[in-house]
């Protein structure tokens, strides 16, 4: 009986070698499928409506966010830059004041025609009030509603920044886009479907 069992074991080993198959131990699982990955982007430059005459406020953005099927809501990686510029007309034909701040993007979220971008301040124009009023590398957020053709005006929302010594604005957060775009525009590429049921 023992010889019969041994011969059966040898035969099984030979068959496994010949077919290139191996038996799986109980409880072993198949290799997981690779993650679905996609990249969203927001590009463009526009002037926003501002209630005080003589003020020209523009937001220029070139932002990217990478999403996976395990992280479909918040990006696993964001990159890019955005600039907030403010030109203020001066009386008696004087040269306008021009202030700008550049930010490194740390989050881009998208959903339908809407997007939010946050970033850390990395440089400003000479003499900008932010140099005295804000902590270095503070965070600001901008929201965008990018209207399609015949979809009404696009809109922008600015968060501003927290005061010196106060906690930073939370990453990926920005107020509702309430100011109309009056010049220029943006191109938004959404993250697309990442859920198994096709939700975006």
N, C-alpha and C. Protein backbone atom coordinates (compact mmCIF):
# COMPACT_ATOMS: atom_id res chain seq x y z
N UNK A 1 0.83 -1.20 0.00
CA UNK A 1 0.00 0.00 0.00
C UNK A 1 0.87 1.25 0.00
N UNK A 2 1.92 1.28 0.81
CA UNK A 2 2.81 2.44 0.90
C UNK A 2 3.48 2.69 -0.45
N UNK A 3 3.90 1.61 -1.16
CA UNK A 3 4.53 1.78 -2.46
C UNK A 3 3.55 2.39 -3.46
N UNK A 4 2.28 1.97 -3.38
CA UNK A 4 1.27 2.52 -4.29
C UNK A 4 1.09 4.01 -4.07
N UNK A 5 1.07 4.45 -2.80
CA UNK A 5 0.93 5.87 -2.48
C UNK A 5 2.12 6.66 -2.98
N UNK A 6 3.34 6.12 -2.81
CA UNK A 6 4.54 6.80 -3.26
C UNK A 6 4.55 6.96 -4.77
N UNK A 7 4.17 5.86 -5.48
CA UNK A 7 4.13 5.92 -6.93
C UNK A 7 3.12 6.96 -7.41
N UNK A 8 1.98 7.06 -6.73
CA UNK A 8 0.96 8.05 -7.09
C UNK A 8 1.49 9.46 -6.89
N UNK A 9 2.26 9.66 -5.80
CA UNK A 9 2.83 10.98 -5.55
C UNK A 9 3.83 11.37 -6.60
N UNK A 10 4.70 10.42 -7.02
CA UNK A 10 5.68 10.68 -8.06
C UNK A 10 4.99 11.01 -9.37
N UNK A 11 3.92 10.27 -9.70
CA UNK A 11 3.19 10.50 -10.94
C UNK A 11 2.58 11.90 -10.97
N UNK A 12 2.02 12.33 -9.85
CA UNK A 12 1.43 13.67 -9.79
C UNK A 12 2.49 14.75 -9.98
N UNK A 13 3.68 14.52 -9.41
CA UNK A 13 4.77 15.48 -9.54
C UNK A 13 5.22 15.59 -10.99
N UNK A 14 5.32 14.45 -11.67
CA UNK A 14 5.71 14.44 -13.08
C UNK A 14 4.69 15.16 -13.94
N UNK A 15 3.41 14.91 -13.68
CA UNK A 15 2.35 15.57 -14.44
C UNK A 15 2.38 17.09 -14.24
N UNK A 16 2.63 17.50 -13.00
CA UNK A 16 2.70 18.94 -12.71
C UNK A 16 3.85 19.59 -13.46
N UNK A 17 5.01 18.91 -13.49
CA UNK A 17 6.17 19.45 -14.18
C UNK A 17 5.93 19.52 -15.68
N UNK A 18 5.25 18.52 -16.22
CA UNK A 18 5.01 18.47 -17.65
C UNK A 18 4.04 19.55 -18.11
N UNK A 19 3.06 19.86 -17.28
CA UNK A 19 2.03 20.84 -17.67
C UNK A 19 2.34 22.24 -17.20
N UNK A 20 3.37 22.39 -16.34
CA UNK A 20 3.73 23.71 -15.84
C UNK A 20 2.77 24.24 -14.82
N UNK A 21 1.98 23.39 -14.18
CA UNK A 21 1.02 23.85 -13.18
C UNK A 21 1.49 23.46 -11.81
N UNK A 22 1.06 24.23 -10.83
CA UNK A 22 1.34 23.91 -9.43
C UNK A 22 0.05 24.03 -8.66
N UNK A 23 -0.07 23.21 -7.67
CA UNK A 23 -1.27 23.24 -6.83
C UNK A 23 -1.23 24.45 -5.93
N UNK A 24 -2.39 25.13 -5.74
CA UNK A 24 -2.47 26.27 -4.85
C UNK A 24 -2.82 25.82 -3.45
N UNK A 25 -2.15 26.38 -2.49
CA UNK A 25 -2.45 26.05 -1.11
C UNK A 25 -3.82 26.57 -0.76
N UNK A 26 -4.53 25.90 0.17
CA UNK A 26 -5.84 26.39 0.59
C UNK A 26 -5.74 27.82 1.09
N UNK A 27 -6.70 28.66 0.69
CA UNK A 27 -6.72 30.04 1.16
C UNK A 27 -5.92 30.99 0.30
N UNK A 28 -5.15 30.50 -0.68
CA UNK A 28 -4.36 31.39 -1.53
C UNK A 28 -5.28 32.15 -2.47
N UNK A 29 -4.96 33.40 -2.75
CA UNK A 29 -5.81 34.23 -3.61
C UNK A 29 -5.07 34.59 -4.89
N UNK A 30 -5.82 34.89 -5.91
CA UNK A 30 -5.22 35.30 -7.18
C UNK A 30 -4.61 36.69 -7.04
N UNK A 31 -3.67 37.02 -7.94
CA UNK A 31 -3.03 38.32 -7.91
C UNK A 31 -4.07 39.40 -8.21
N UNK A 32 -4.05 40.49 -7.42
CA UNK A 32 -5.02 41.56 -7.61
C UNK A 32 -4.80 42.26 -8.96
N UNK A 33 -5.90 42.66 -9.56
CA UNK A 33 -5.83 43.39 -10.83
C UNK A 33 -5.19 44.75 -10.59
N UNK A 34 -4.46 45.28 -11.56
CA UNK A 34 -3.83 46.60 -11.39
C UNK A 34 -4.88 47.69 -11.20
N UNK A 35 -4.52 48.74 -10.45
CA UNK A 35 -5.43 49.84 -10.19
C UNK A 35 -5.73 50.62 -11.47
N UNK A 36 -6.98 51.02 -11.61
CA UNK A 36 -7.33 51.95 -12.69
C UNK A 36 -6.82 53.33 -12.29
N UNK A 37 -6.17 54.02 -13.22
CA UNK A 37 -5.59 55.33 -12.94
C UNK A 37 -6.00 56.32 -14.02
N UNK A 38 -6.27 57.54 -13.62
CA UNK A 38 -6.62 58.58 -14.57
C UNK A 38 -6.12 59.93 -14.06
N UNK A 39 -5.96 60.88 -14.95
CA UNK A 39 -5.47 62.21 -14.58
C UNK A 39 -6.44 63.28 -15.04
N UNK A 40 -6.84 64.14 -14.11
CA UNK A 40 -7.68 65.29 -14.42
C UNK A 40 -6.80 66.52 -14.61
N UNK A 41 -7.30 67.51 -15.33
CA UNK A 41 -6.51 68.73 -15.53
C UNK A 41 -7.43 69.94 -15.65
N UNK A 42 -6.88 71.10 -15.31
CA UNK A 42 -7.58 72.37 -15.46
C UNK A 42 -6.57 73.39 -15.95
N UNK A 43 -6.87 74.02 -17.10
CA UNK A 43 -5.93 74.96 -17.70
C UNK A 43 -6.68 76.20 -18.18
N UNK A 44 -6.01 77.35 -18.11
CA UNK A 44 -6.58 78.55 -18.67
C UNK A 44 -6.31 79.78 -17.83
N UNK A 45 -6.86 80.89 -18.28
CA UNK A 45 -6.70 82.16 -17.58
C UNK A 45 -7.96 82.98 -17.81
N UNK A 46 -8.44 83.64 -16.75
CA UNK A 46 -9.67 84.42 -16.89
C UNK A 46 -9.71 85.55 -15.88
N UNK A 47 -10.45 86.58 -16.26
CA UNK A 47 -10.71 87.71 -15.36
C UNK A 47 -12.07 87.49 -14.72
N UNK A 48 -12.14 87.72 -13.43
CA UNK A 48 -13.39 87.54 -12.71
C UNK A 48 -14.07 88.89 -12.44
N UNK A 49 -15.39 88.87 -12.38
CA UNK A 49 -16.15 90.07 -12.07
C UNK A 49 -15.84 90.51 -10.64
N UNK A 50 -15.71 91.83 -10.45
CA UNK A 50 -15.42 92.37 -9.12
C UNK A 50 -16.24 93.64 -8.96
N UNK A 51 -16.93 93.79 -7.81
CA UNK A 51 -17.89 94.89 -7.67
C UNK A 51 -17.28 96.29 -7.64
N UNK A 52 -16.01 96.42 -7.27
CA UNK A 52 -15.39 97.74 -7.19
C UNK A 52 -14.76 98.10 -8.53
N UNK A 53 -15.15 99.21 -9.14
CA UNK A 53 -14.55 99.62 -10.43
C UNK A 53 -13.05 99.84 -10.29
N UNK A 54 -12.35 99.62 -11.40
CA UNK A 54 -10.91 99.86 -11.40
C UNK A 54 -10.08 98.72 -10.87
N UNK A 55 -10.71 97.58 -10.64
CA UNK A 55 -10.00 96.39 -10.15
C UNK A 55 -10.07 95.29 -11.19
N UNK A 56 -8.93 94.76 -11.56
CA UNK A 56 -8.83 93.68 -12.54
C UNK A 56 -8.19 92.48 -11.85
N UNK A 57 -8.99 91.46 -11.54
CA UNK A 57 -8.50 90.27 -10.84
C UNK A 57 -8.56 89.09 -11.79
N UNK A 58 -7.44 88.42 -11.95
CA UNK A 58 -7.35 87.28 -12.86
C UNK A 58 -6.75 86.07 -12.15
N UNK A 59 -7.20 84.90 -12.60
CA UNK A 59 -6.65 83.64 -12.10
C UNK A 59 -6.17 82.82 -13.29
N UNK A 60 -4.90 82.49 -13.27
CA UNK A 60 -4.29 81.65 -14.31
C UNK A 60 -3.90 80.33 -13.68
N UNK A 61 -4.28 79.22 -14.31
CA UNK A 61 -4.07 77.91 -13.68
C UNK A 61 -3.59 76.88 -14.70
N UNK A 62 -2.73 75.99 -14.23
CA UNK A 62 -2.27 74.83 -14.99
C UNK A 62 -2.09 73.71 -13.97
N UNK A 63 -3.17 72.98 -13.70
CA UNK A 63 -3.20 72.03 -12.57
C UNK A 63 -3.55 70.62 -13.05
N UNK A 64 -3.01 69.63 -12.31
CA UNK A 64 -3.22 68.22 -12.64
C UNK A 64 -3.45 67.41 -11.36
N UNK A 65 -4.31 66.41 -11.46
CA UNK A 65 -4.56 65.52 -10.33
C UNK A 65 -4.69 64.09 -10.80
N UNK A 66 -3.98 63.17 -10.14
CA UNK A 66 -4.01 61.75 -10.50
C UNK A 66 -4.91 61.00 -9.52
N UNK A 67 -5.82 60.19 -10.06
CA UNK A 67 -6.76 59.43 -9.26
C UNK A 67 -6.61 57.94 -9.56
N UNK A 68 -6.97 57.10 -8.57
CA UNK A 68 -6.98 55.66 -8.78
C UNK A 68 -8.33 55.11 -8.35
N UNK A 69 -8.60 53.86 -8.71
CA UNK A 69 -9.86 53.24 -8.33
C UNK A 69 -9.98 53.07 -6.82
N UNK A 70 -8.86 53.09 -6.11
CA UNK A 70 -8.91 53.03 -4.65
C UNK A 70 -9.04 54.41 -4.02
N UNK A 71 -8.79 55.46 -4.80
CA UNK A 71 -8.92 56.83 -4.31
C UNK A 71 -9.59 57.67 -5.39
N UNK A 72 -10.91 57.45 -5.62
CA UNK A 72 -11.59 58.13 -6.72
C UNK A 72 -12.08 59.53 -6.38
N UNK A 73 -12.05 59.92 -5.10
CA UNK A 73 -12.59 61.21 -4.68
C UNK A 73 -11.50 62.26 -4.55
N UNK A 74 -10.42 61.91 -3.85
CA UNK A 74 -9.30 62.83 -3.68
C UNK A 74 -8.08 62.29 -4.42
N UNK A 75 -7.30 63.16 -5.04
CA UNK A 75 -6.17 62.70 -5.85
C UNK A 75 -5.06 62.10 -5.01
N UNK A 76 -4.39 61.11 -5.57
CA UNK A 76 -3.21 60.54 -4.91
C UNK A 76 -1.98 61.41 -5.16
N UNK A 77 -2.05 62.24 -6.20
CA UNK A 77 -0.95 63.15 -6.52
C UNK A 77 -1.50 64.34 -7.29
N UNK A 78 -1.02 65.53 -6.94
CA UNK A 78 -1.41 66.74 -7.66
C UNK A 78 -0.16 67.55 -8.00
N UNK A 79 -0.23 68.30 -9.08
CA UNK A 79 0.92 69.11 -9.48
C UNK A 79 0.43 70.30 -10.30
N UNK A 80 1.36 71.21 -10.57
CA UNK A 80 1.03 72.37 -11.38
C UNK A 80 1.18 73.67 -10.61
N UNK A 81 0.68 74.74 -11.20
CA UNK A 81 0.79 76.07 -10.61
C UNK A 81 -0.49 76.86 -10.86
N UNK A 82 -0.70 77.88 -10.04
CA UNK A 82 -1.71 78.88 -10.38
C UNK A 82 -1.25 80.24 -9.87
N UNK A 83 -1.76 81.29 -10.52
CA UNK A 83 -1.40 82.66 -10.16
C UNK A 83 -2.68 83.48 -9.97
N UNK A 84 -2.69 84.26 -8.91
CA UNK A 84 -3.75 85.23 -8.67
C UNK A 84 -3.13 86.62 -8.85
N UNK A 85 -3.65 87.39 -9.79
CA UNK A 85 -3.11 88.73 -10.04
C UNK A 85 -4.20 89.78 -9.84
N UNK A 86 -3.78 90.96 -9.40
CA UNK A 86 -4.72 92.04 -9.08
C UNK A 86 -4.13 93.36 -9.55
N UNK A 87 -4.78 93.97 -10.53
CA UNK A 87 -4.37 95.29 -11.03
C UNK A 87 -5.36 96.32 -10.53
N UNK A 88 -4.83 97.40 -9.93
CA UNK A 88 -5.68 98.44 -9.35
C UNK A 88 -5.38 99.77 -10.03
N UNK A 89 -6.38 100.32 -10.70
CA UNK A 89 -6.19 101.61 -11.37
C UNK A 89 -5.93 102.71 -10.34
N UNK A 90 -5.10 103.68 -10.75
CA UNK A 90 -4.76 104.81 -9.88
C UNK A 90 -5.27 106.12 -10.49
N UNK A 91 -5.57 107.11 -9.64
CA UNK A 91 -6.10 108.37 -10.15
C UNK A 91 -5.04 109.22 -10.85
N UNK A 92 -5.53 110.22 -11.56
CA UNK A 92 -4.67 111.23 -12.20
C UNK A 92 -3.66 110.64 -13.18
N UNK A 93 -4.06 109.55 -13.83
CA UNK A 93 -3.21 108.96 -14.86
C UNK A 93 -1.97 108.26 -14.34
N UNK A 94 -1.93 108.00 -13.04
CA UNK A 94 -0.78 107.30 -12.48
C UNK A 94 -0.76 105.84 -12.94
N UNK A 95 0.41 105.25 -12.91
CA UNK A 95 0.56 103.85 -13.31
C UNK A 95 -0.21 102.94 -12.36
N UNK A 96 -0.97 101.97 -12.88
CA UNK A 96 -1.73 101.07 -12.01
C UNK A 96 -0.81 100.27 -11.09
N UNK A 97 -1.33 99.91 -9.93
CA UNK A 97 -0.63 98.99 -9.05
C UNK A 97 -0.92 97.57 -9.51
N UNK A 98 0.10 96.75 -9.58
CA UNK A 98 -0.08 95.35 -10.01
C UNK A 98 0.55 94.43 -8.98
N UNK A 99 -0.26 93.57 -8.40
CA UNK A 99 0.21 92.58 -7.43
C UNK A 99 -0.11 91.18 -7.96
N UNK A 100 0.77 90.24 -7.70
CA UNK A 100 0.49 88.86 -8.08
C UNK A 100 1.15 87.90 -7.09
N UNK A 101 0.57 86.72 -6.99
CA UNK A 101 1.13 85.66 -6.16
C UNK A 101 1.08 84.34 -6.90
N UNK A 102 2.18 83.60 -6.87
CA UNK A 102 2.27 82.29 -7.52
C UNK A 102 2.15 81.18 -6.48
N UNK A 103 1.44 80.13 -6.84
CA UNK A 103 1.18 79.01 -5.94
C UNK A 103 1.58 77.69 -6.59
N UNK A 104 2.09 76.77 -5.78
CA UNK A 104 2.33 75.40 -6.23
C UNK A 104 1.13 74.55 -5.85
N UNK A 105 0.52 73.91 -6.81
CA UNK A 105 -0.71 73.14 -6.59
C UNK A 105 -0.44 71.93 -5.70
N UNK A 106 -1.30 71.75 -4.68
CA UNK A 106 -1.21 70.54 -3.86
C UNK A 106 -2.50 69.72 -3.90
N UNK A 107 -3.52 70.21 -4.61
CA UNK A 107 -4.73 69.40 -4.78
C UNK A 107 -5.57 69.95 -5.92
N UNK A 108 -6.04 69.06 -6.78
CA UNK A 108 -7.04 69.37 -7.80
C UNK A 108 -8.14 68.33 -7.70
N UNK A 109 -9.36 68.77 -7.39
CA UNK A 109 -10.51 67.87 -7.40
C UNK A 109 -11.46 68.30 -8.50
N UNK A 110 -12.16 67.34 -9.08
CA UNK A 110 -13.11 67.65 -10.15
C UNK A 110 -14.39 66.86 -9.96
N UNK A 111 -15.47 67.39 -10.49
CA UNK A 111 -16.76 66.72 -10.49
C UNK A 111 -17.67 67.41 -11.48
N UNK A 112 -18.00 66.76 -12.59
CA UNK A 112 -18.80 67.40 -13.62
C UNK A 112 -18.09 68.64 -14.14
N UNK A 113 -18.80 69.79 -14.20
CA UNK A 113 -18.17 71.02 -14.71
C UNK A 113 -17.46 71.83 -13.63
N UNK A 114 -17.27 71.24 -12.46
CA UNK A 114 -16.70 71.97 -11.33
C UNK A 114 -15.33 71.43 -10.92
N UNK A 115 -14.52 72.32 -10.36
CA UNK A 115 -13.19 71.91 -9.89
C UNK A 115 -12.77 72.80 -8.73
N UNK A 116 -11.94 72.27 -7.85
CA UNK A 116 -11.30 73.07 -6.81
C UNK A 116 -9.80 72.85 -6.91
N UNK A 117 -9.06 73.91 -6.66
CA UNK A 117 -7.60 73.85 -6.67
C UNK A 117 -7.09 74.54 -5.41
N UNK A 118 -6.17 73.89 -4.71
CA UNK A 118 -5.48 74.56 -3.60
C UNK A 118 -3.99 74.49 -3.85
N UNK A 119 -3.28 75.42 -3.23
CA UNK A 119 -1.83 75.45 -3.40
C UNK A 119 -1.16 76.31 -2.35
N UNK A 120 0.16 76.17 -2.27
CA UNK A 120 0.97 76.93 -1.31
C UNK A 120 1.67 78.08 -2.02
N UNK A 121 1.63 79.25 -1.39
CA UNK A 121 2.23 80.45 -1.94
C UNK A 121 3.75 80.30 -1.99
N UNK A 122 4.34 80.51 -3.15
CA UNK A 122 5.79 80.33 -3.30
C UNK A 122 6.52 81.62 -3.66
N UNK A 123 5.82 82.60 -4.28
CA UNK A 123 6.47 83.88 -4.60
C UNK A 123 5.39 84.93 -4.85
N UNK A 124 5.80 86.20 -4.68
CA UNK A 124 4.88 87.30 -4.94
C UNK A 124 5.61 88.41 -5.69
N UNK A 125 4.82 89.34 -6.19
CA UNK A 125 5.40 90.54 -6.79
C UNK A 125 6.05 91.38 -5.70
N UNK A 126 7.06 92.19 -6.05
CA UNK A 126 7.71 93.05 -5.05
C UNK A 126 6.71 93.98 -4.38
N UNK A 127 6.81 94.09 -3.07
CA UNK A 127 5.94 95.00 -2.33
C UNK A 127 4.52 94.52 -2.11
N UNK A 128 4.25 93.26 -2.43
CA UNK A 128 2.89 92.74 -2.25
C UNK A 128 2.52 92.75 -0.76
N UNK A 129 1.31 93.23 -0.40
CA UNK A 129 0.89 93.23 1.01
C UNK A 129 0.91 91.84 1.65
N UNK A 130 0.77 90.78 0.84
CA UNK A 130 0.79 89.43 1.40
C UNK A 130 2.10 89.14 2.13
N UNK A 131 3.18 89.80 1.72
CA UNK A 131 4.47 89.53 2.36
C UNK A 131 4.45 89.88 3.84
N UNK A 132 3.66 90.88 4.21
CA UNK A 132 3.57 91.28 5.61
C UNK A 132 2.37 90.67 6.32
N UNK A 133 1.29 90.48 5.57
CA UNK A 133 0.03 90.07 6.18
C UNK A 133 -0.11 88.57 6.37
N UNK A 134 0.61 87.77 5.59
CA UNK A 134 0.41 86.32 5.59
C UNK A 134 1.67 85.58 6.01
N UNK A 135 1.46 84.37 6.55
CA UNK A 135 2.59 83.50 6.85
C UNK A 135 3.23 83.03 5.54
N UNK A 136 4.54 82.79 5.55
CA UNK A 136 5.18 82.25 4.35
C UNK A 136 4.56 80.91 3.95
N UNK A 137 4.40 80.71 2.67
CA UNK A 137 3.89 79.44 2.13
C UNK A 137 2.48 79.11 2.63
N UNK A 138 1.69 80.15 2.84
CA UNK A 138 0.30 79.91 3.22
C UNK A 138 -0.44 79.20 2.08
N UNK A 139 -1.59 78.64 2.41
CA UNK A 139 -2.38 77.93 1.39
C UNK A 139 -3.62 78.76 1.05
N UNK A 140 -3.97 78.78 -0.23
CA UNK A 140 -5.21 79.37 -0.69
C UNK A 140 -5.93 78.38 -1.60
N UNK A 141 -7.23 78.60 -1.77
CA UNK A 141 -8.02 77.73 -2.62
C UNK A 141 -8.83 78.53 -3.62
N UNK A 142 -9.03 77.94 -4.78
CA UNK A 142 -9.84 78.55 -5.84
C UNK A 142 -10.81 77.50 -6.37
N UNK A 143 -12.06 77.90 -6.54
CA UNK A 143 -13.05 77.00 -7.13
C UNK A 143 -13.42 77.50 -8.52
N UNK A 144 -13.82 76.58 -9.36
CA UNK A 144 -14.14 76.91 -10.76
C UNK A 144 -15.42 76.20 -11.17
N UNK A 145 -16.29 76.93 -11.85
CA UNK A 145 -17.39 76.32 -12.59
C UNK A 145 -17.13 76.61 -14.06
N UNK A 146 -16.83 75.57 -14.81
CA UNK A 146 -16.47 75.73 -16.22
C UNK A 146 -17.69 75.38 -17.06
N UNK A 147 -18.40 76.41 -17.47
CA UNK A 147 -19.65 76.20 -18.21
C UNK A 147 -19.35 75.76 -19.64
N UNK A 148 -20.15 74.86 -20.13
CA UNK A 148 -20.02 74.45 -21.52
C UNK A 148 -20.72 75.43 -22.44
N UNK A 149 -20.77 75.09 -23.72
CA UNK A 149 -21.44 75.94 -24.70
C UNK A 149 -22.90 76.11 -24.32
N UNK A 150 -23.37 77.35 -24.31
CA UNK A 150 -24.75 77.68 -23.95
C UNK A 150 -25.09 77.26 -22.52
N UNK A 151 -24.07 77.13 -21.69
CA UNK A 151 -24.29 76.71 -20.30
C UNK A 151 -24.24 77.86 -19.31
N UNK A 152 -24.32 79.10 -19.81
CA UNK A 152 -24.22 80.23 -18.91
C UNK A 152 -22.78 80.59 -18.65
N UNK A 153 -22.53 81.61 -17.83
CA UNK A 153 -21.15 82.05 -17.59
C UNK A 153 -20.39 81.07 -16.70
N UNK A 154 -19.09 80.96 -16.96
CA UNK A 154 -18.22 80.25 -16.02
C UNK A 154 -18.06 81.13 -14.79
N UNK A 155 -17.60 80.53 -13.68
CA UNK A 155 -17.49 81.27 -12.43
C UNK A 155 -16.22 80.87 -11.68
N UNK A 156 -15.78 81.78 -10.80
CA UNK A 156 -14.59 81.57 -9.97
C UNK A 156 -14.93 81.92 -8.53
N UNK A 157 -14.34 81.19 -7.58
CA UNK A 157 -14.46 81.53 -6.17
C UNK A 157 -13.08 81.52 -5.52
N UNK A 158 -12.77 82.55 -4.74
CA UNK A 158 -11.46 82.66 -4.08
C UNK A 158 -11.62 82.52 -2.57
N UNK A 159 -10.76 81.74 -1.97
CA UNK A 159 -10.84 81.53 -0.52
C UNK A 159 -10.17 82.64 0.28
N UNK A 160 -9.18 83.32 -0.31
CA UNK A 160 -8.32 84.15 0.50
C UNK A 160 -7.42 83.25 1.34
N UNK A 161 -6.77 83.82 2.33
CA UNK A 161 -5.86 83.04 3.17
C UNK A 161 -6.15 83.31 4.63
N UNK A 162 -5.75 82.39 5.49
CA UNK A 162 -5.91 82.60 6.92
C UNK A 162 -4.88 83.62 7.42
N UNK A 163 -5.20 84.27 8.52
CA UNK A 163 -4.31 85.29 9.08
C UNK A 163 -3.05 84.66 9.65
N UNK A 164 -2.07 85.49 9.88
CA UNK A 164 -0.81 85.01 10.46
C UNK A 164 -1.08 84.28 11.77
N UNK A 165 -0.42 83.13 11.92
CA UNK A 165 -0.55 82.37 13.15
C UNK A 165 -1.77 81.48 13.23
N UNK A 166 -2.70 81.59 12.29
CA UNK A 166 -3.89 80.75 12.29
C UNK A 166 -3.64 79.49 11.46
N UNK A 167 -4.41 78.41 11.72
CA UNK A 167 -4.22 77.17 10.95
C UNK A 167 -4.42 77.39 9.46
N UNK A 168 -3.71 76.62 8.68
CA UNK A 168 -3.83 76.70 7.22
C UNK A 168 -5.21 76.29 6.75
N UNK A 169 -5.61 76.83 5.62
CA UNK A 169 -6.78 76.33 4.92
C UNK A 169 -6.57 74.85 4.63
N UNK A 170 -7.63 74.05 4.78
CA UNK A 170 -7.53 72.62 4.52
C UNK A 170 -7.29 72.36 3.03
N UNK A 171 -6.41 71.42 2.75
CA UNK A 171 -6.11 71.06 1.36
C UNK A 171 -7.38 70.58 0.65
N UNK A 172 -7.51 70.95 -0.60
CA UNK A 172 -8.62 70.56 -1.48
C UNK A 172 -9.91 71.34 -1.23
N UNK A 173 -9.90 72.31 -0.31
CA UNK A 173 -11.12 73.04 0.04
C UNK A 173 -11.11 74.44 -0.59
N UNK A 174 -12.28 74.87 -1.08
CA UNK A 174 -12.44 76.22 -1.63
C UNK A 174 -13.92 76.58 -1.57
N UNK A 175 -14.25 77.89 -1.53
CA UNK A 175 -15.66 78.29 -1.47
C UNK A 175 -16.36 78.09 -2.81
N UNK A 176 -17.67 78.25 -2.80
CA UNK A 176 -18.43 78.12 -4.04
C UNK A 176 -17.99 79.17 -5.05
N UNK A 177 -17.97 78.81 -6.33
CA UNK A 177 -17.59 79.79 -7.37
C UNK A 177 -18.73 80.77 -7.62
N UNK A 178 -18.60 81.99 -7.11
CA UNK A 178 -19.70 82.94 -7.18
C UNK A 178 -19.45 84.12 -8.12
N UNK A 179 -18.21 84.36 -8.52
CA UNK A 179 -17.90 85.51 -9.37
C UNK A 179 -17.88 85.09 -10.84
N UNK A 180 -18.61 85.81 -11.67
CA UNK A 180 -18.68 85.49 -13.09
C UNK A 180 -17.33 85.72 -13.78
N UNK A 181 -17.04 84.88 -14.75
CA UNK A 181 -15.90 85.11 -15.63
C UNK A 181 -16.33 86.12 -16.69
N UNK A 182 -15.60 87.23 -16.80
CA UNK A 182 -15.96 88.28 -17.75
C UNK A 182 -14.99 88.37 -18.93
N UNK A 183 -13.90 87.62 -18.84
CA UNK A 183 -12.93 87.61 -19.94
C UNK A 183 -12.07 86.36 -19.81
N UNK A 184 -11.78 85.70 -20.93
CA UNK A 184 -10.96 84.49 -20.89
C UNK A 184 -11.80 83.26 -20.57
N UNK A 185 -11.14 82.20 -20.14
CA UNK A 185 -11.86 80.98 -19.82
C UNK A 185 -10.92 79.83 -19.49
N UNK A 186 -11.51 78.66 -19.24
CA UNK A 186 -10.75 77.50 -18.79
C UNK A 186 -11.17 76.25 -19.56
N UNK A 187 -10.27 75.29 -19.58
CA UNK A 187 -10.55 73.97 -20.15
C UNK A 187 -10.38 72.95 -19.03
N UNK A 188 -11.46 72.24 -18.72
CA UNK A 188 -11.45 71.25 -17.64
C UNK A 188 -11.56 69.85 -18.22
N UNK A 189 -10.61 69.00 -17.88
CA UNK A 189 -10.67 67.58 -18.23
C UNK A 189 -10.92 66.80 -16.95
N UNK A 190 -12.10 66.21 -16.82
CA UNK A 190 -12.46 65.50 -15.59
C UNK A 190 -11.70 64.21 -15.43
N UNK A 191 -11.82 63.64 -14.25
CA UNK A 191 -11.09 62.40 -13.96
C UNK A 191 -11.70 61.18 -14.62
N UNK A 192 -12.99 61.28 -15.05
CA UNK A 192 -13.61 60.15 -15.71
C UNK A 192 -14.04 59.08 -14.72
N UNK A 193 -14.64 57.98 -15.22
CA UNK A 193 -15.14 56.92 -14.33
C UNK A 193 -14.01 56.09 -13.73
N UNK A 194 -14.09 55.87 -12.43
CA UNK A 194 -13.13 55.01 -11.74
C UNK A 194 -13.82 53.97 -10.89
N UNK A 195 -15.11 54.17 -10.61
CA UNK A 195 -15.86 53.18 -9.84
C UNK A 195 -16.30 52.04 -10.76
N UNK A 196 -16.48 50.89 -10.18
CA UNK A 196 -16.91 49.74 -10.97
C UNK A 196 -18.30 49.95 -11.56
N UNK A 197 -19.14 50.77 -10.88
CA UNK A 197 -20.49 50.98 -11.38
C UNK A 197 -20.57 52.16 -12.35
N UNK A 198 -19.40 52.75 -12.67
CA UNK A 198 -19.37 53.81 -13.66
C UNK A 198 -19.54 55.20 -13.12
N UNK A 199 -19.71 55.36 -11.79
CA UNK A 199 -19.84 56.70 -11.22
C UNK A 199 -18.54 57.46 -11.40
N UNK A 200 -18.64 58.79 -11.45
CA UNK A 200 -17.47 59.64 -11.60
C UNK A 200 -17.15 60.31 -10.28
